[in-house]
Amino acid sequence: MLSKSSARLLLIGALASVLSACGGGGGGAPKGDAAHGKELYAACAACHHPTDTLVGPKHCDLFGRTAGTVAGFDYSEAMRASGIVWDAKTLDQFLVSPIAVVVGTKMGFAGFQEEKERADVIAYMWQMNHDPAVCPKQ
């Protein structure tokens, strides 16, 4: 059974997918300072890399990907069952406190409490994902 927060993320992700498919939801780059987000991403880089799976799964092709689906990474059952589809909104909610949003996740990061910091990191991750020099399309 999903926790309330996981169910809420599932609903948000489904709604975002529907809006995106219908041309709504503003599919452009998220608001935020990507340059500052790159600095903040250093906290993520301890476990994540754009193209390689390290302690955590790779971050290339993150937007639109269902949580728990990177081949070869040993996700927690909680993350695999979360139903989250990553976009700016689900990342924003998740990055407040990953361990509270997906209870049972292996991700031990405490989160970014400041909304601006989350917006900046998400803007950087979006930019990184759309830069073929960083995340080549396969």
N, C-alpha and C. Protein backbone atom coordinates (compact mmCIF):
# COMPACT_ATOMS: atom_id res chain seq x y z
N MET A 1 0.84 -1.18 0.00
CA MET A 1 0.00 0.00 0.00
C MET A 1 0.88 1.24 0.00
N LEU A 2 0.54 2.22 -0.82
CA LEU A 2 1.31 3.45 -0.92
C LEU A 2 1.02 4.36 0.27
N SER A 3 2.06 5.08 0.71
CA SER A 3 1.86 6.09 1.74
C SER A 3 1.11 7.26 1.11
N LYS A 4 0.58 8.15 1.94
CA LYS A 4 -0.14 9.31 1.41
C LYS A 4 0.76 10.15 0.51
N SER A 5 2.02 10.35 0.93
CA SER A 5 2.92 11.19 0.13
C SER A 5 3.24 10.51 -1.20
N SER A 6 3.43 9.19 -1.20
CA SER A 6 3.70 8.48 -2.46
C SER A 6 2.48 8.52 -3.37
N ALA A 7 1.31 8.35 -2.80
CA ALA A 7 0.08 8.42 -3.59
C ALA A 7 -0.09 9.81 -4.18
N ARG A 8 0.24 10.82 -3.39
CA ARG A 8 0.12 12.21 -3.88
C ARG A 8 1.09 12.43 -5.03
N LEU A 9 2.34 11.95 -4.90
CA LEU A 9 3.30 12.09 -6.00
C LEU A 9 2.84 11.35 -7.24
N LEU A 10 2.26 10.18 -7.05
CA LEU A 10 1.73 9.42 -8.18
C LEU A 10 0.66 10.22 -8.90
N LEU A 11 -0.23 10.81 -8.15
CA LEU A 11 -1.30 11.63 -8.73
C LEU A 11 -0.73 12.85 -9.45
N ILE A 12 0.23 13.52 -8.81
CA ILE A 12 0.86 14.69 -9.43
C ILE A 12 1.56 14.29 -10.73
N GLY A 13 2.29 13.18 -10.68
CA GLY A 13 2.99 12.71 -11.87
C GLY A 13 2.04 12.37 -13.00
N ALA A 14 0.94 11.70 -12.66
CA ALA A 14 -0.06 11.34 -13.67
C ALA A 14 -0.68 12.59 -14.28
N LEU A 15 -1.01 13.55 -13.43
CA LEU A 15 -1.60 14.80 -13.92
C LEU A 15 -0.61 15.55 -14.82
N ALA A 16 0.66 15.61 -14.39
CA ALA A 16 1.67 16.28 -15.20
C ALA A 16 1.83 15.60 -16.55
N SER A 17 1.79 14.27 -16.56
CA SER A 17 1.91 13.53 -17.82
C SER A 17 0.73 13.83 -18.74
N VAL A 18 -0.46 13.87 -18.19
CA VAL A 18 -1.66 14.17 -18.98
C VAL A 18 -1.57 15.58 -19.54
N LEU A 19 -1.20 16.54 -18.69
CA LEU A 19 -1.09 17.92 -19.15
C LEU A 19 -0.03 18.06 -20.23
N SER A 20 1.09 17.38 -20.03
CA SER A 20 2.16 17.43 -21.02
C SER A 20 1.70 16.83 -22.35
N ALA A 21 1.02 15.72 -22.29
CA ALA A 21 0.53 15.06 -23.52
C ALA A 21 -0.49 15.92 -24.24
N CYS A 22 -1.21 16.72 -23.48
CA CYS A 22 -2.25 17.58 -24.07
C CYS A 22 -1.69 18.93 -24.48
N GLY A 23 -0.40 19.13 -24.31
CA GLY A 23 0.19 20.40 -24.70
C GLY A 23 0.14 21.43 -23.59
N GLY A 24 -0.36 21.09 -22.42
CA GLY A 24 -0.38 22.02 -21.30
C GLY A 24 0.78 21.75 -20.39
N GLY A 25 0.79 22.43 -19.26
CA GLY A 25 1.81 22.17 -18.27
C GLY A 25 3.14 22.84 -18.53
N GLY A 26 3.24 23.70 -19.56
CA GLY A 26 4.45 24.47 -19.79
C GLY A 26 5.70 23.64 -19.90
N GLY A 27 5.84 22.87 -20.95
CA GLY A 27 6.94 21.94 -21.11
C GLY A 27 8.31 22.55 -21.26
N GLY A 28 8.46 23.87 -21.07
CA GLY A 28 9.76 24.50 -21.20
C GLY A 28 10.63 24.30 -19.99
N ALA A 29 11.77 24.97 -20.01
CA ALA A 29 12.73 24.86 -18.91
C ALA A 29 12.13 25.39 -17.62
N PRO A 30 12.41 24.72 -16.52
CA PRO A 30 11.92 25.19 -15.21
C PRO A 30 12.54 26.53 -14.85
N LYS A 31 11.85 27.28 -14.02
CA LYS A 31 12.37 28.55 -13.52
C LYS A 31 13.46 28.24 -12.51
N GLY A 32 14.47 29.03 -12.49
CA GLY A 32 15.57 28.84 -11.54
C GLY A 32 16.87 29.27 -12.18
N ASP A 33 17.87 29.46 -11.35
CA ASP A 33 19.21 29.88 -11.77
C ASP A 33 20.07 28.64 -11.95
N ALA A 34 20.20 28.20 -13.20
CA ALA A 34 20.94 26.96 -13.49
C ALA A 34 22.41 27.06 -13.08
N ALA A 35 23.00 28.25 -13.19
CA ALA A 35 24.41 28.41 -12.79
C ALA A 35 24.57 28.15 -11.28
N HIS A 36 23.66 28.71 -10.50
CA HIS A 36 23.70 28.45 -9.06
C HIS A 36 23.34 26.99 -8.79
N GLY A 37 22.41 26.45 -9.55
CA GLY A 37 22.04 25.05 -9.41
C GLY A 37 23.20 24.11 -9.65
N LYS A 38 24.09 24.48 -10.57
CA LYS A 38 25.28 23.66 -10.84
C LYS A 38 26.15 23.58 -9.59
N GLU A 39 26.29 24.70 -8.88
CA GLU A 39 27.06 24.71 -7.63
C GLU A 39 26.40 23.81 -6.59
N LEU A 40 25.08 23.92 -6.47
CA LEU A 40 24.34 23.12 -5.49
C LEU A 40 24.36 21.63 -5.85
N TYR A 41 24.45 21.34 -7.14
CA TYR A 41 24.45 19.95 -7.62
C TYR A 41 25.65 19.17 -7.07
N ALA A 42 26.65 19.87 -6.58
CA ALA A 42 27.80 19.19 -5.97
C ALA A 42 27.34 18.25 -4.86
N ALA A 43 26.27 18.61 -4.15
CA ALA A 43 25.72 17.73 -3.11
C ALA A 43 25.17 16.45 -3.74
N CYS A 44 24.62 16.54 -4.94
CA CYS A 44 24.09 15.37 -5.64
C CYS A 44 25.22 14.52 -6.22
N ALA A 45 26.28 15.22 -6.66
CA ALA A 45 27.39 14.55 -7.35
C ALA A 45 28.16 13.61 -6.44
N ALA A 46 27.94 13.68 -5.14
CA ALA A 46 28.57 12.73 -4.25
C ALA A 46 28.10 11.31 -4.56
N CYS A 47 26.87 11.18 -5.09
CA CYS A 47 26.29 9.86 -5.38
C CYS A 47 25.83 9.70 -6.82
N HIS A 48 25.57 10.80 -7.51
CA HIS A 48 25.00 10.75 -8.86
C HIS A 48 25.96 11.35 -9.88
N HIS A 49 25.85 10.91 -11.10
CA HIS A 49 26.61 11.41 -12.25
C HIS A 49 25.62 11.51 -13.40
N PRO A 50 25.84 12.44 -14.31
CA PRO A 50 24.89 12.53 -15.43
C PRO A 50 24.75 11.23 -16.23
N THR A 51 25.87 10.63 -16.63
CA THR A 51 25.79 9.49 -17.54
C THR A 51 26.10 8.13 -16.91
N ASP A 52 26.64 8.13 -15.71
CA ASP A 52 27.04 6.87 -15.07
C ASP A 52 26.26 6.62 -13.79
N THR A 53 25.97 5.36 -13.54
CA THR A 53 25.36 4.96 -12.28
C THR A 53 26.49 4.76 -11.28
N LEU A 54 26.41 5.47 -10.16
CA LEU A 54 27.40 5.37 -9.10
C LEU A 54 26.71 4.77 -7.88
N VAL A 55 26.74 5.48 -6.77
CA VAL A 55 25.98 5.07 -5.59
C VAL A 55 24.49 5.24 -5.88
N GLY A 56 24.17 6.25 -6.69
CA GLY A 56 22.80 6.50 -7.13
C GLY A 56 22.72 6.38 -8.64
N PRO A 57 21.50 6.33 -9.19
CA PRO A 57 21.34 6.19 -10.64
C PRO A 57 21.75 7.44 -11.41
N LYS A 58 22.06 7.25 -12.68
CA LYS A 58 22.45 8.37 -13.54
C LYS A 58 21.31 9.39 -13.62
N HIS A 59 21.67 10.63 -13.94
CA HIS A 59 20.68 11.70 -14.04
C HIS A 59 20.33 12.08 -15.49
N CYS A 60 21.09 11.62 -16.48
CA CYS A 60 20.68 11.87 -17.87
C CYS A 60 19.38 11.13 -18.13
N ASP A 61 18.54 11.72 -18.95
CA ASP A 61 17.23 11.16 -19.29
C ASP A 61 16.31 11.08 -18.08
N LEU A 62 16.53 11.95 -17.10
CA LEU A 62 15.73 11.93 -15.88
C LEU A 62 14.30 12.42 -16.12
N PHE A 63 14.15 13.51 -16.86
CA PHE A 63 12.82 14.11 -17.05
C PHE A 63 11.95 13.22 -17.93
N GLY A 64 10.82 12.82 -17.37
CA GLY A 64 9.91 11.91 -18.06
C GLY A 64 10.13 10.45 -17.71
N ARG A 65 11.20 10.16 -16.97
CA ARG A 65 11.51 8.78 -16.59
C ARG A 65 10.72 8.40 -15.33
N THR A 66 10.26 7.18 -15.27
CA THR A 66 9.60 6.66 -14.08
C THR A 66 10.67 6.30 -13.07
N ALA A 67 10.46 6.71 -11.83
CA ALA A 67 11.42 6.40 -10.76
C ALA A 67 11.60 4.90 -10.62
N GLY A 68 12.83 4.52 -10.35
CA GLY A 68 13.12 3.11 -10.12
C GLY A 68 13.33 2.28 -11.36
N THR A 69 13.66 2.92 -12.49
CA THR A 69 13.71 2.17 -13.75
C THR A 69 15.06 2.19 -14.46
N VAL A 70 16.11 2.78 -13.88
CA VAL A 70 17.41 2.75 -14.55
C VAL A 70 17.96 1.33 -14.46
N ALA A 71 18.21 0.75 -15.62
CA ALA A 71 18.72 -0.63 -15.67
C ALA A 71 20.04 -0.75 -14.92
N GLY A 72 20.15 -1.81 -14.14
CA GLY A 72 21.39 -2.08 -13.44
C GLY A 72 21.51 -1.43 -12.08
N PHE A 73 20.56 -0.55 -11.71
CA PHE A 73 20.64 0.06 -10.38
C PHE A 73 19.70 -0.67 -9.43
N ASP A 74 20.19 -0.96 -8.24
CA ASP A 74 19.43 -1.70 -7.24
C ASP A 74 18.59 -0.74 -6.38
N TYR A 75 17.42 -0.39 -6.89
CA TYR A 75 16.51 0.52 -6.18
C TYR A 75 15.85 -0.18 -5.00
N SER A 76 15.41 0.62 -4.05
CA SER A 76 14.57 0.10 -2.97
C SER A 76 13.21 -0.27 -3.56
N GLU A 77 12.52 -1.17 -2.92
CA GLU A 77 11.16 -1.52 -3.34
C GLU A 77 10.27 -0.27 -3.28
N ALA A 78 10.50 0.57 -2.28
CA ALA A 78 9.70 1.79 -2.13
C ALA A 78 9.83 2.69 -3.36
N MET A 79 11.04 2.85 -3.87
CA MET A 79 11.23 3.71 -5.04
C MET A 79 10.63 3.05 -6.28
N ARG A 80 10.84 1.76 -6.46
CA ARG A 80 10.27 1.07 -7.62
C ARG A 80 8.75 1.13 -7.61
N ALA A 81 8.15 1.09 -6.44
CA ALA A 81 6.68 1.09 -6.32
C ALA A 81 6.09 2.49 -6.24
N SER A 82 6.93 3.52 -6.21
CA SER A 82 6.43 4.89 -5.98
C SER A 82 5.54 5.41 -7.11
N GLY A 83 5.78 4.96 -8.34
CA GLY A 83 5.00 5.45 -9.47
C GLY A 83 5.35 6.87 -9.89
N ILE A 84 6.39 7.44 -9.31
CA ILE A 84 6.78 8.82 -9.64
C ILE A 84 7.30 8.88 -11.07
N VAL A 85 6.87 9.88 -11.80
CA VAL A 85 7.44 10.21 -13.10
C VAL A 85 8.13 11.56 -12.90
N TRP A 86 9.43 11.59 -13.15
CA TRP A 86 10.21 12.77 -12.83
C TRP A 86 9.95 13.92 -13.79
N ASP A 87 9.58 15.04 -13.22
CA ASP A 87 9.48 16.31 -13.91
C ASP A 87 9.81 17.38 -12.89
N ALA A 88 9.74 18.65 -13.26
CA ALA A 88 10.11 19.72 -12.33
C ALA A 88 9.25 19.71 -11.07
N LYS A 89 7.99 19.42 -11.20
CA LYS A 89 7.09 19.43 -10.04
C LYS A 89 7.36 18.26 -9.11
N THR A 90 7.53 17.06 -9.65
CA THR A 90 7.78 15.92 -8.76
C THR A 90 9.16 16.01 -8.14
N LEU A 91 10.15 16.51 -8.89
CA LEU A 91 11.48 16.71 -8.31
C LEU A 91 11.43 17.73 -7.19
N ASP A 92 10.69 18.82 -7.39
CA ASP A 92 10.58 19.84 -6.36
C ASP A 92 10.01 19.25 -5.08
N GLN A 93 8.98 18.48 -5.19
CA GLN A 93 8.37 17.88 -4.01
C GLN A 93 9.32 16.85 -3.37
N PHE A 94 9.93 16.03 -4.18
CA PHE A 94 10.82 14.99 -3.69
C PHE A 94 12.05 15.57 -2.99
N LEU A 95 12.63 16.62 -3.58
CA LEU A 95 13.88 17.16 -3.07
C LEU A 95 13.74 17.93 -1.76
N VAL A 96 12.51 18.16 -1.30
CA VAL A 96 12.33 18.75 0.03
C VAL A 96 12.87 17.78 1.07
N SER A 97 12.52 16.50 0.93
CA SER A 97 12.95 15.47 1.87
C SER A 97 12.72 14.10 1.25
N PRO A 98 13.68 13.61 0.48
CA PRO A 98 13.50 12.32 -0.19
C PRO A 98 13.06 11.19 0.74
N ILE A 99 13.63 11.13 1.93
CA ILE A 99 13.30 10.02 2.83
C ILE A 99 11.90 10.13 3.42
N ALA A 100 11.33 11.33 3.41
CA ALA A 100 9.95 11.50 3.88
C ALA A 100 8.95 11.28 2.75
N VAL A 101 9.35 11.63 1.53
CA VAL A 101 8.43 11.50 0.40
C VAL A 101 8.32 10.05 -0.06
N VAL A 102 9.44 9.35 -0.14
CA VAL A 102 9.42 7.94 -0.49
C VAL A 102 9.98 7.18 0.71
N VAL A 103 9.11 6.88 1.62
CA VAL A 103 9.51 6.18 2.84
C VAL A 103 10.07 4.81 2.46
N GLY A 104 11.31 4.57 2.88
CA GLY A 104 11.98 3.31 2.54
C GLY A 104 12.99 3.45 1.42
N THR A 105 13.14 4.67 0.86
CA THR A 105 14.14 4.87 -0.18
C THR A 105 15.54 4.64 0.39
N LYS A 106 16.45 4.24 -0.47
CA LYS A 106 17.85 4.09 -0.06
C LYS A 106 18.58 5.43 -0.09
N MET A 107 17.97 6.43 -0.71
CA MET A 107 18.59 7.75 -0.84
C MET A 107 18.63 8.42 0.53
N GLY A 108 19.83 8.66 1.03
CA GLY A 108 19.98 9.22 2.37
C GLY A 108 20.13 10.73 2.42
N PHE A 109 19.90 11.41 1.31
CA PHE A 109 20.06 12.87 1.26
C PHE A 109 18.93 13.55 2.04
N ALA A 110 19.29 14.51 2.87
CA ALA A 110 18.31 15.20 3.71
C ALA A 110 17.37 16.10 2.91
N GLY A 111 17.82 16.60 1.77
CA GLY A 111 16.97 17.44 0.93
C GLY A 111 17.42 18.88 0.89
N PHE A 112 16.79 19.64 0.02
CA PHE A 112 16.99 21.08 -0.09
C PHE A 112 15.74 21.74 0.49
N GLN A 113 15.88 22.38 1.63
CA GLN A 113 14.72 22.97 2.30
C GLN A 113 14.24 24.25 1.64
N GLU A 114 15.16 25.01 1.04
CA GLU A 114 14.81 26.30 0.44
C GLU A 114 14.24 26.09 -0.97
N GLU A 115 13.08 26.68 -1.21
CA GLU A 115 12.42 26.56 -2.51
C GLU A 115 13.33 27.05 -3.64
N LYS A 116 14.04 28.16 -3.43
CA LYS A 116 14.92 28.70 -4.47
C LYS A 116 16.05 27.72 -4.79
N GLU A 117 16.61 27.09 -3.77
CA GLU A 117 17.67 26.11 -4.02
C GLU A 117 17.14 24.94 -4.85
N ARG A 118 15.95 24.47 -4.52
CA ARG A 118 15.36 23.37 -5.31
C ARG A 118 15.14 23.83 -6.75
N ALA A 119 14.61 25.02 -6.92
CA ALA A 119 14.36 25.54 -8.27
C ALA A 119 15.66 25.64 -9.06
N ASP A 120 16.72 26.09 -8.40
CA ASP A 120 18.01 26.24 -9.07
C ASP A 120 18.60 24.88 -9.46
N VAL A 121 18.55 23.91 -8.56
CA VAL A 121 19.07 22.56 -8.86
C VAL A 121 18.27 21.93 -9.99
N ILE A 122 16.96 22.08 -9.94
CA ILE A 122 16.11 21.49 -10.99
C ILE A 122 16.38 22.17 -12.32
N ALA A 123 16.58 23.50 -12.32
CA ALA A 123 16.91 24.22 -13.57
C ALA A 123 18.23 23.70 -14.14
N TYR A 124 19.21 23.46 -13.26
CA TYR A 124 20.49 22.92 -13.73
C TYR A 124 20.31 21.51 -14.29
N MET A 125 19.56 20.69 -13.58
CA MET A 125 19.36 19.31 -14.04
C MET A 125 18.64 19.30 -15.39
N TRP A 126 17.69 20.20 -15.58
CA TRP A 126 16.98 20.33 -16.86
C TRP A 126 17.98 20.72 -17.95
N GLN A 127 18.78 21.75 -17.65
CA GLN A 127 19.77 22.23 -18.62
C GLN A 127 20.76 21.10 -18.98
N MET A 128 21.24 20.39 -17.96
CA MET A 128 22.17 19.28 -18.16
C MET A 128 21.54 18.21 -19.05
N ASN A 129 20.28 17.88 -18.79
CA ASN A 129 19.58 16.85 -19.55
C ASN A 129 19.33 17.25 -21.00
N HIS A 130 19.33 18.54 -21.28
CA HIS A 130 19.07 19.02 -22.63
C HIS A 130 20.33 19.49 -23.34
N ASP A 131 21.48 19.21 -22.75
CA ASP A 131 22.77 19.54 -23.34
C ASP A 131 23.40 18.27 -23.87
N PRO A 132 23.44 18.10 -25.22
CA PRO A 132 23.97 16.86 -25.78
C PRO A 132 25.44 16.62 -25.44
N ALA A 133 26.18 17.66 -25.06
CA ALA A 133 27.56 17.46 -24.67
C ALA A 133 27.65 16.78 -23.30
N VAL A 134 26.63 16.95 -22.47
CA VAL A 134 26.60 16.33 -21.15
C VAL A 134 25.79 15.03 -21.19
N CYS A 135 24.62 15.08 -21.80
CA CYS A 135 23.73 13.94 -21.88
C CYS A 135 23.45 13.61 -23.35
N PRO A 136 24.39 12.89 -24.00
CA PRO A 136 24.17 12.57 -25.42
C PRO A 136 22.94 11.70 -25.60
N LYS A 137 22.19 11.98 -26.63
CA LYS A 137 21.00 11.17 -26.94
C LYS A 137 21.45 9.85 -27.51
N GLN A 138 20.82 8.78 -27.03
CA GLN A 138 21.22 7.44 -27.47
C GLN A 138 20.29 6.91 -28.51
